[in-house]
Amino acid sequence: MSFSDLRRKDVINICDGRKLGKPIDLIFNDRACVEAIVVPAPCSMAGLFSRDRPGTVIPWNRIRRFGDDVILVEIDPSILENGG
């Protein structure tokens, strides 16, 4: 699967059913293996017009399934609310 294919999929948290967005980046380790995916950070009114909003990093081991249209992840919702 290419990164272009991943970018088209919605990332869904199975803990609360929340749509987290589509992957915007990948993080690799020193062996060139994917270590995490990055989705856009949640919008807030304070950061609405900021170009430097950090993304939410989702470790590869928290990905549960790749579907045709979605990537299912398992992330504690409280972690996401506190800045991931």
PDB file of N, CA and C in Angstrom:
ATOM      1  N   MET A   1       0.844  -1.166   0.000  1.00  0.00           N
ATOM      2  CA  MET A   1       0.000   0.000   0.000  1.00  0.00           C
ATOM      3  C   MET A   1       0.892   1.233   0.000  1.00  0.00           C
ATOM      4  N   SER A   2       0.564   2.179  -0.854  1.00  0.00           N
ATOM      5  CA  SER A   2       1.364   3.396  -0.948  1.00  0.00           C
ATOM      6  C   SER A   2       0.816   4.464  -0.005  1.00  0.00           C
ATOM      7  N   PHE A   3       1.623   5.505   0.221  1.00  0.00           N
ATOM      8  CA  PHE A   3       1.167   6.615   1.065  1.00  0.00           C
ATOM      9  C   PHE A   3      -0.010   7.320   0.400  1.00  0.00           C
ATOM     10  N   SER A   4      -0.029   7.370  -0.920  1.00  0.00           N
ATOM     11  CA  SER A   4      -1.171   7.963  -1.633  1.00  0.00           C
ATOM     12  C   SER A   4      -2.458   7.220  -1.300  1.00  0.00           C
ATOM     13  N   ASP A   5      -2.372   5.891  -1.200  1.00  0.00           N
ATOM     14  CA  ASP A   5      -3.546   5.100  -0.816  1.00  0.00           C
ATOM     15  C   ASP A   5      -3.961   5.410   0.621  1.00  0.00           C
ATOM     16  N   LEU A   6      -2.994   5.507   1.531  1.00  0.00           N
ATOM     17  CA  LEU A   6      -3.292   5.805   2.937  1.00  0.00           C
ATOM     18  C   LEU A   6      -3.950   7.168   3.100  1.00  0.00           C
ATOM     19  N   ARG A   7      -3.480   8.146   2.348  1.00  0.00           N
ATOM     20  CA  ARG A   7      -3.991   9.519   2.478  1.00  0.00           C
ATOM     21  C   ARG A   7      -5.470   9.643   2.129  1.00  0.00           C
ATOM     22  N   ARG A   8      -6.001   8.684   1.411  1.00  0.00           N
ATOM     23  CA  ARG A   8      -7.414   8.719   1.013  1.00  0.00           C
ATOM     24  C   ARG A   8      -8.334   8.102   2.064  1.00  0.00           C
ATOM     25  N   LYS A   9      -7.773   7.469   3.057  1.00  0.00           N
ATOM     26  CA  LYS A   9      -8.575   6.753   4.058  1.00  0.00           C
ATOM     27  C   LYS A   9      -8.829   7.628   5.286  1.00  0.00           C
ATOM     28  N   ASP A  10     -10.030   7.528   5.829  1.00  0.00           N
ATOM     29  CA  ASP A  10     -10.347   8.202   7.085  1.00  0.00           C
ATOM     30  C   ASP A  10      -9.821   7.357   8.239  1.00  0.00           C
ATOM     31  N   VAL A  11      -9.249   8.028   9.244  1.00  0.00           N
ATOM     32  CA  VAL A  11      -8.779   7.345  10.448  1.00  0.00           C
ATOM     33  C   VAL A  11      -9.884   7.461  11.489  1.00  0.00           C
ATOM     34  N   ILE A  12     -10.345   6.304  11.978  1.00  0.00           N
ATOM     35  CA  ILE A  12     -11.446   6.241  12.944  1.00  0.00           C
ATOM     36  C   ILE A  12     -10.946   5.591  14.230  1.00  0.00           C
ATOM     37  N   ASN A  13     -11.248   6.239  15.363  1.00  0.00           N
ATOM     38  CA  ASN A  13     -10.884   5.681  16.665  1.00  0.00           C
ATOM     39  C   ASN A  13     -11.996   4.735  17.112  1.00  0.00           C
ATOM     40  N   ILE A  14     -11.689   3.458  17.275  1.00  0.00           N
ATOM     41  CA  ILE A  14     -12.720   2.486  17.643  1.00  0.00           C
ATOM     42  C   ILE A  14     -13.173   2.631  19.095  1.00  0.00           C
ATOM     43  N   CYS A  15     -12.436   3.369  19.911  1.00  0.00           N
ATOM     44  CA  CYS A  15     -12.833   3.553  21.315  1.00  0.00           C
ATOM     45  C   CYS A  15     -14.070   4.438  21.450  1.00  0.00           C
ATOM     46  N   ASP A  16     -14.181   5.446  20.581  1.00  0.00           N
ATOM     47  CA  ASP A  16     -15.320   6.362  20.678  1.00  0.00           C
ATOM     48  C   ASP A  16     -16.001   6.630  19.329  1.00  0.00           C
ATOM     49  N   GLY A  17     -15.518   6.016  18.265  1.00  0.00           N
ATOM     50  CA  GLY A  17     -16.124   6.194  16.945  1.00  0.00           C
ATOM     51  C   GLY A  17     -15.792   7.504  16.264  1.00  0.00           C
ATOM     52  N   ARG A  18     -14.898   8.278  16.864  1.00  0.00           N
ATOM     53  CA  ARG A  18     -14.569   9.599  16.334  1.00  0.00           C
ATOM     54  C   ARG A  18     -13.698   9.497  15.087  1.00  0.00           C
ATOM     55  N   LYS A  19     -14.039  10.317  14.091  1.00  0.00           N
ATOM     56  CA  LYS A  19     -13.223  10.441  12.888  1.00  0.00           C
ATOM     57  C   LYS A  19     -12.081  11.404  13.198  1.00  0.00           C
ATOM     58  N   LEU A  20     -10.844  10.939  13.035  1.00  0.00           N
ATOM     59  CA  LEU A  20      -9.677  11.747  13.391  1.00  0.00           C
ATOM     60  C   LEU A  20      -9.103  12.503  12.193  1.00  0.00           C
ATOM     61  N   GLY A  21      -9.529  12.159  11.003  1.00  0.00           N
ATOM     62  CA  GLY A  21      -9.012  12.815   9.801  1.00  0.00           C
ATOM     63  C   GLY A  21      -8.299  11.808   8.916  1.00  0.00           C
ATOM     64  N   LYS A  22      -7.668  12.314   7.895  1.00  0.00           N
ATOM     65  CA  LYS A  22      -6.905  11.483   6.970  1.00  0.00           C
ATOM     66  C   LYS A  22      -5.416  11.650   7.264  1.00  0.00           C
ATOM     67  N   PRO A  23      -4.625  10.598   7.083  1.00  0.00           N
ATOM     68  CA  PRO A  23      -3.186  10.718   7.362  1.00  0.00           C
ATOM     69  C   PRO A  23      -2.539  11.839   6.539  1.00  0.00           C
ATOM     70  N   ILE A  24      -1.698  12.628   7.199  1.00  0.00           N
ATOM     71  CA  ILE A  24      -0.983  13.710   6.517  1.00  0.00           C
ATOM     72  C   ILE A  24       0.517  13.463   6.476  1.00  0.00           C
ATOM     73  N   ASP A  25       0.993  12.487   7.264  1.00  0.00           N
ATOM     74  CA  ASP A  25       2.432  12.231   7.302  1.00  0.00           C
ATOM     75  C   ASP A  25       2.677  10.850   7.905  1.00  0.00           C
ATOM     76  N   LEU A  26       3.882  10.354   7.694  1.00  0.00           N
ATOM     77  CA  LEU A  26       4.348   9.113   8.304  1.00  0.00           C
ATOM     78  C   LEU A  26       5.622   9.398   9.075  1.00  0.00           C
ATOM     79  N   ILE A  27       5.846   8.672  10.145  1.00  0.00           N
ATOM     80  CA  ILE A  27       7.091   8.773  10.903  1.00  0.00           C
ATOM     81  C   ILE A  27       7.811   7.446  10.761  1.00  0.00           C
ATOM     82  N   PHE A  28       9.078   7.508  10.377  1.00  0.00           N
ATOM     83  CA  PHE A  28       9.890   6.316  10.169  1.00  0.00           C
ATOM     84  C   PHE A  28      10.938   6.189  11.271  1.00  0.00           C
ATOM     85  N   ASN A  29      11.322   4.952  11.580  1.00  0.00           N
ATOM     86  CA  ASN A  29      12.418   4.741  12.513  1.00  0.00           C
ATOM     87  C   ASN A  29      13.731   4.684  11.738  1.00  0.00           C
ATOM     88  N   ASP A  30      14.830   4.396  12.421  1.00  0.00           N
ATOM     89  CA  ASP A  30      16.149   4.407  11.769  1.00  0.00           C
ATOM     90  C   ASP A  30      16.351   3.239  10.805  1.00  0.00           C
ATOM     91  N   ARG A  31      15.447   2.261  10.807  1.00  0.00           N
ATOM     92  CA  ARG A  31      15.526   1.143   9.856  1.00  0.00           C
ATOM     93  C   ARG A  31      14.573   1.339   8.678  1.00  0.00           C
ATOM     94  N   ALA A  32      14.026   2.547   8.547  1.00  0.00           N
ATOM     95  CA  ALA A  32      13.095   2.913   7.474  1.00  0.00           C
ATOM     96  C   ALA A  32      11.776   2.152   7.547  1.00  0.00           C
ATOM     97  N   CYS A  33      11.377   1.763   8.755  1.00  0.00           N
ATOM     98  CA  CYS A  33      10.072   1.134   8.971  1.00  0.00           C
ATOM     99  C   CYS A  33       9.115   2.193   9.520  1.00  0.00           C
ATOM    100  N   VAL A  34       7.861   2.117   9.109  1.00  0.00           N
ATOM    101  CA  VAL A  34       6.878   3.084   9.602  1.00  0.00           C
ATOM    102  C   VAL A  34       6.653   2.854  11.085  1.00  0.00           C
ATOM    103  N   GLU A  35       6.781   3.926  11.845  1.00  0.00           N
ATOM    104  CA  GLU A  35       6.621   3.865  13.290  1.00  0.00           C
ATOM    105  C   GLU A  35       5.287   4.469  13.737  1.00  0.00           C
ATOM    106  N   ALA A  36       4.764   5.419  12.946  1.00  0.00           N
ATOM    107  CA  ALA A  36       3.518   6.088  13.315  1.00  0.00           C
ATOM    108  C   ALA A  36       2.935   6.789  12.096  1.00  0.00           C
ATOM    109  N   ILE A  37       1.631   7.060  12.188  1.00  0.00           N
ATOM    110  CA  ILE A  37       0.986   7.920  11.200  1.00  0.00           C
ATOM    111  C   ILE A  37       0.620   9.215  11.915  1.00  0.00           C
ATOM    112  N   VAL A  38       0.482  10.275  11.154  1.00  0.00           N
ATOM    113  CA  VAL A  38       0.116  11.577  11.708  1.00  0.00           C
ATOM    114  C   VAL A  38      -1.171  12.029  11.039  1.00  0.00           C
ATOM    115  N   VAL A  39      -2.141  12.429  11.856  1.00  0.00           N
ATOM    116  CA  VAL A  39      -3.389  13.001  11.358  1.00  0.00           C
ATOM    117  C   VAL A  39      -3.442  14.459  11.819  1.00  0.00           C
ATOM    118  N   PRO A  40      -4.232  15.295  11.159  1.00  0.00           N
ATOM    119  CA  PRO A  40      -4.300  16.704  11.575  1.00  0.00           C
ATOM    120  C   PRO A  40      -4.748  16.835  13.030  1.00  0.00           C
ATOM    121  N   ALA A  41      -4.206  17.825  13.697  1.00  0.00           N
ATOM    122  CA  ALA A  41      -4.612  18.102  15.078  1.00  0.00           C
ATOM    123  C   ALA A  41      -6.045  18.606  15.075  1.00  0.00           C
ATOM    124  N   PRO A  42      -6.787  18.337  16.143  1.00  0.00           N
ATOM    125  CA  PRO A  42      -8.163  18.856  16.217  1.00  0.00           C
ATOM    126  C   PRO A  42      -8.162  20.375  16.136  1.00  0.00           C
ATOM    127  N   CYS A  43      -9.139  20.928  15.450  1.00  0.00           N
ATOM    128  CA  CYS A  43      -9.246  22.384  15.318  1.00  0.00           C
ATOM    129  C   CYS A  43      -9.809  22.989  16.589  1.00  0.00           C
ATOM    130  N   SER A  44      -9.304  24.145  16.910  1.00  0.00           N
ATOM    131  CA  SER A  44      -9.881  24.940  17.987  1.00  0.00           C
ATOM    132  C   SER A  44      -9.984  26.363  17.465  1.00  0.00           C
ATOM    133  N   MET A  45     -10.780  27.180  18.087  1.00  0.00           N
ATOM    134  CA  MET A  45     -10.932  28.560  17.623  1.00  0.00           C
ATOM    135  C   MET A  45      -9.607  29.310  17.709  1.00  0.00           C
ATOM    136  N   ALA A  46      -8.798  29.009  18.718  1.00  0.00           N
ATOM    137  CA  ALA A  46      -7.526  29.704  18.885  1.00  0.00           C
ATOM    138  C   ALA A  46      -6.548  29.351  17.770  1.00  0.00           C
ATOM    139  N   GLY A  47      -6.585  28.111  17.310  1.00  0.00           N
ATOM    140  CA  GLY A  47      -5.635  27.679  16.299  1.00  0.00           C
ATOM    141  C   GLY A  47      -6.218  27.570  14.913  1.00  0.00           C
ATOM    142  N   LEU A  48      -7.420  28.118  14.715  1.00  0.00           N
ATOM    143  CA  LEU A  48      -8.129  27.965  13.454  1.00  0.00           C
ATOM    144  C   LEU A  48      -7.342  28.477  12.259  1.00  0.00           C
ATOM    145  N   PHE A  49      -6.649  29.590  12.423  1.00  0.00           N
ATOM    146  CA  PHE A  49      -5.946  30.194  11.301  1.00  0.00           C
ATOM    147  C   PHE A  49      -4.434  29.946  11.345  1.00  0.00           C
ATOM    148  N   SER A  50      -4.003  29.106  12.244  1.00  0.00           N
ATOM    149  CA  SER A  50      -2.582  28.818  12.375  1.00  0.00           C
ATOM    150  C   SER A  50      -2.149  27.788  11.352  1.00  0.00           C
ATOM    151  N   ARG A  51      -1.044  28.048  10.681  1.00  0.00           N
ATOM    152  CA  ARG A  51      -0.498  27.090   9.731  1.00  0.00           C
ATOM    153  C   ARG A  51       0.395  26.076  10.444  1.00  0.00           C
ATOM    154  N   ASP A  52       0.761  26.340  11.678  1.00  0.00           N
ATOM    155  CA  ASP A  52       1.712  25.500  12.395  1.00  0.00           C
ATOM    156  C   ASP A  52       1.040  24.554  13.379  1.00  0.00           C
ATOM    157  N   ARG A  53      -0.229  24.208  13.128  1.00  0.00           N
ATOM    158  CA  ARG A  53      -0.903  23.266  14.027  1.00  0.00           C
ATOM    159  C   ARG A  53      -0.210  21.921  13.933  1.00  0.00           C
ATOM    160  N   PRO A  54       0.218  21.403  15.056  1.00  0.00           N
ATOM    161  CA  PRO A  54       0.852  20.078  15.005  1.00  0.00           C
ATOM    162  C   PRO A  54      -0.189  19.008  14.744  1.00  0.00           C
ATOM    163  N   GLY A  55       0.277  17.883  14.259  1.00  0.00           N
ATOM    164  CA  GLY A  55      -0.622  16.762  14.032  1.00  0.00           C
ATOM    165  C   GLY A  55      -0.661  15.854  15.241  1.00  0.00           C
ATOM    166  N   THR A  56      -1.595  14.941  15.223  1.00  0.00           N
ATOM    167  CA  THR A  56      -1.705  13.924  16.253  1.00  0.00           C
ATOM    168  C   THR A  56      -0.966  12.687  15.767  1.00  0.00           C
ATOM    169  N   VAL A  57      -0.008  12.219  16.548  1.00  0.00           N
ATOM    170  CA  VAL A  57       0.798  11.053  16.184  1.00  0.00           C
ATOM    171  C   VAL A  57       0.123   9.795  16.723  1.00  0.00           C
ATOM    172  N   ILE A  58      -0.108   8.844  15.830  1.00  0.00           N
ATOM    173  CA  ILE A  58      -0.723   7.580  16.205  1.00  0.00           C
ATOM    174  C   ILE A  58       0.300   6.472  15.978  1.00  0.00           C
ATOM    175  N   PRO A  59       0.795   5.871  17.049  1.00  0.00           N
ATOM    176  CA  PRO A  59       1.798   4.804  16.898  1.00  0.00           C
ATOM    177  C   PRO A  59       1.264   3.646  16.051  1.00  0.00           C
ATOM    178  N   TRP A  60       2.145   3.048  15.291  1.00  0.00           N
ATOM    179  CA  TRP A  60       1.772   1.953  14.396  1.00  0.00           C
ATOM    180  C   TRP A  60       1.103   0.803  15.153  1.00  0.00           C
ATOM    181  N   ASN A  61       1.559   0.549  16.390  1.00  0.00           N
ATOM    182  CA  ASN A  61       0.986  -0.570  17.151  1.00  0.00           C
ATOM    183  C   ASN A  61      -0.430  -0.294  17.652  1.00  0.00           C
ATOM    184  N   ARG A  62      -0.947   0.925  17.452  1.00  0.00           N
ATOM    185  CA  ARG A  62      -2.327   1.253  17.834  1.00  0.00           C
ATOM    186  C   ARG A  62      -3.277   1.122  16.646  1.00  0.00           C
ATOM    187  N   ILE A  63      -2.740   0.817  15.456  1.00  0.00           N
ATOM    188  CA  ILE A  63      -3.576   0.585  14.283  1.00  0.00           C
ATOM    189  C   ILE A  63      -4.114  -0.838  14.373  1.00  0.00           C
ATOM    190  N   ARG A  64      -5.432  -0.972  14.261  1.00  0.00           N
ATOM    191  CA  ARG A  64      -6.061  -2.289  14.405  1.00  0.00           C
ATOM    192  C   ARG A  64      -6.421  -2.920  13.067  1.00  0.00           C
ATOM    193  N   ARG A  65      -6.904  -2.148  12.109  1.00  0.00           N
ATOM    194  CA  ARG A  65      -7.309  -2.697  10.814  1.00  0.00           C
ATOM    195  C   ARG A  65      -7.210  -1.631   9.728  1.00  0.00           C
ATOM    196  N   PHE A  66      -6.884  -2.112   8.529  1.00  0.00           N
ATOM    197  CA  PHE A  66      -6.951  -1.280   7.334  1.00  0.00           C
ATOM    198  C   PHE A  66      -8.133  -1.774   6.524  1.00  0.00           C
ATOM    199  N   GLY A  67      -9.107  -0.919   6.282  1.00  0.00           N
ATOM    200  CA  GLY A  67     -10.244  -1.271   5.446  1.00  0.00           C
ATOM    201  C   GLY A  67     -10.105  -0.622   4.081  1.00  0.00           C
ATOM    202  N   ASP A  68     -11.112  -0.818   3.242  1.00  0.00           N
ATOM    203  CA  ASP A  68     -11.089  -0.209   1.914  1.00  0.00           C
ATOM    204  C   ASP A  68     -11.077   1.314   1.997  1.00  0.00           C
ATOM    205  N   ASP A  69     -11.842   1.869   2.949  1.00  0.00           N
ATOM    206  CA  ASP A  69     -11.992   3.317   3.052  1.00  0.00           C
ATOM    207  C   ASP A  69     -11.523   3.898   4.375  1.00  0.00           C
ATOM    208  N   VAL A  70     -11.200   3.042   5.347  1.00  0.00           N
ATOM    209  CA  VAL A  70     -10.865   3.534   6.678  1.00  0.00           C
ATOM    210  C   VAL A  70      -9.653   2.819   7.253  1.00  0.00           C
ATOM    211  N   ILE A  71      -9.057   3.488   8.233  1.00  0.00           N
ATOM    212  CA  ILE A  71      -8.017   2.892   9.072  1.00  0.00           C
ATOM    213  C   ILE A  71      -8.571   2.934  10.488  1.00  0.00           C
ATOM    214  N   LEU A  72      -8.723   1.784  11.116  1.00  0.00           N
ATOM    215  CA  LEU A  72      -9.252   1.720  12.475  1.00  0.00           C
ATOM    216  C   LEU A  72      -8.100   1.715  13.462  1.00  0.00           C
ATOM    217  N   VAL A  73      -8.147   2.645  14.413  1.00  0.00           N
ATOM    218  CA  VAL A  73      -7.110   2.756  15.429  1.00  0.00           C
ATOM    219  C   VAL A  73      -7.760   2.666  16.805  1.00  0.00           C
ATOM    220  N   GLU A  74      -6.956   2.340  17.805  1.00  0.00           N
ATOM    221  CA  GLU A  74      -7.449   2.255  19.179  1.00  0.00           C
ATOM    222  C   GLU A  74      -6.611   3.164  20.055  1.00  0.00           C
ATOM    223  N   ILE A  75      -7.156   4.356  20.318  1.00  0.00           N
ATOM    224  CA  ILE A  75      -6.466   5.381  21.100  1.00  0.00           C
ATOM    225  C   ILE A  75      -7.421   5.847  22.208  1.00  0.00           C
ATOM    226  N   ASP A  76      -6.931   5.911  23.425  1.00  0.00           N
ATOM    227  CA  ASP A  76      -7.729   6.413  24.548  1.00  0.00           C
ATOM    228  C   ASP A  76      -8.158   7.847  24.232  1.00  0.00           C
ATOM    229  N   PRO A  77      -9.467   8.128  24.201  1.00  0.00           N
ATOM    230  CA  PRO A  77      -9.948   9.466  23.869  1.00  0.00           C
ATOM    231  C   PRO A  77      -9.383  10.564  24.758  1.00  0.00           C
ATOM    232  N   SER A  78      -9.081  10.277  26.016  1.00  0.00           N
ATOM    233  CA  SER A  78      -8.534  11.306  26.906  1.00  0.00           C
ATOM    234  C   SER A  78      -7.132  11.737  26.448  1.00  0.00           C
ATOM    235  N   ILE A  79      -6.390  10.834  25.837  1.00  0.00           N
ATOM    236  CA  ILE A  79      -5.064  11.190  25.321  1.00  0.00           C
ATOM    237  C   ILE A  79      -5.204  12.169  24.168  1.00  0.00           C
ATOM    238  N   LEU A  80      -6.185  11.935  23.306  1.00  0.00           N
ATOM    239  CA  LEU A  80      -6.407  12.827  22.163  1.00  0.00           C
ATOM    240  C   LEU A  80      -6.834  14.217  22.620  1.00  0.00           C
ATOM    241  N   GLU A  81      -7.654  14.286  23.650  1.00  0.00           N
ATOM    242  CA  GLU A  81      -8.125  15.579  24.143  1.00  0.00           C
ATOM    243  C   GLU A  81      -7.028  16.378  24.822  1.00  0.00           C
ATOM    244  N   ASN A  82      -6.002  15.696  25.319  1.00  0.00           N
ATOM    245  CA  ASN A  82      -4.903  16.363  26.002  1.00  0.00           C
ATOM    246  C   ASN A  82      -3.717  16.628  25.089  1.00  0.00           C
ATOM    247  N   GLY A  83      -3.926  16.592  23.782  1.00  0.00           N
ATOM    248  CA  GLY A  83      -2.864  16.951  22.864  1.00  0.00           C
ATOM    249  C   GLY A  83      -2.120  15.799  22.260  1.00  0.00           C
ATOM    250  N   GLY A  84      -2.558  14.573  22.430  1.00  0.00           N
ATOM    251  CA  GLY A  84      -1.988  13.406  21.785  1.00  0.00           C
ATOM    252  C   GLY A  84      -0.580  13.183  22.128  1.00  0.00           C
TER     253      GLY A  84
END
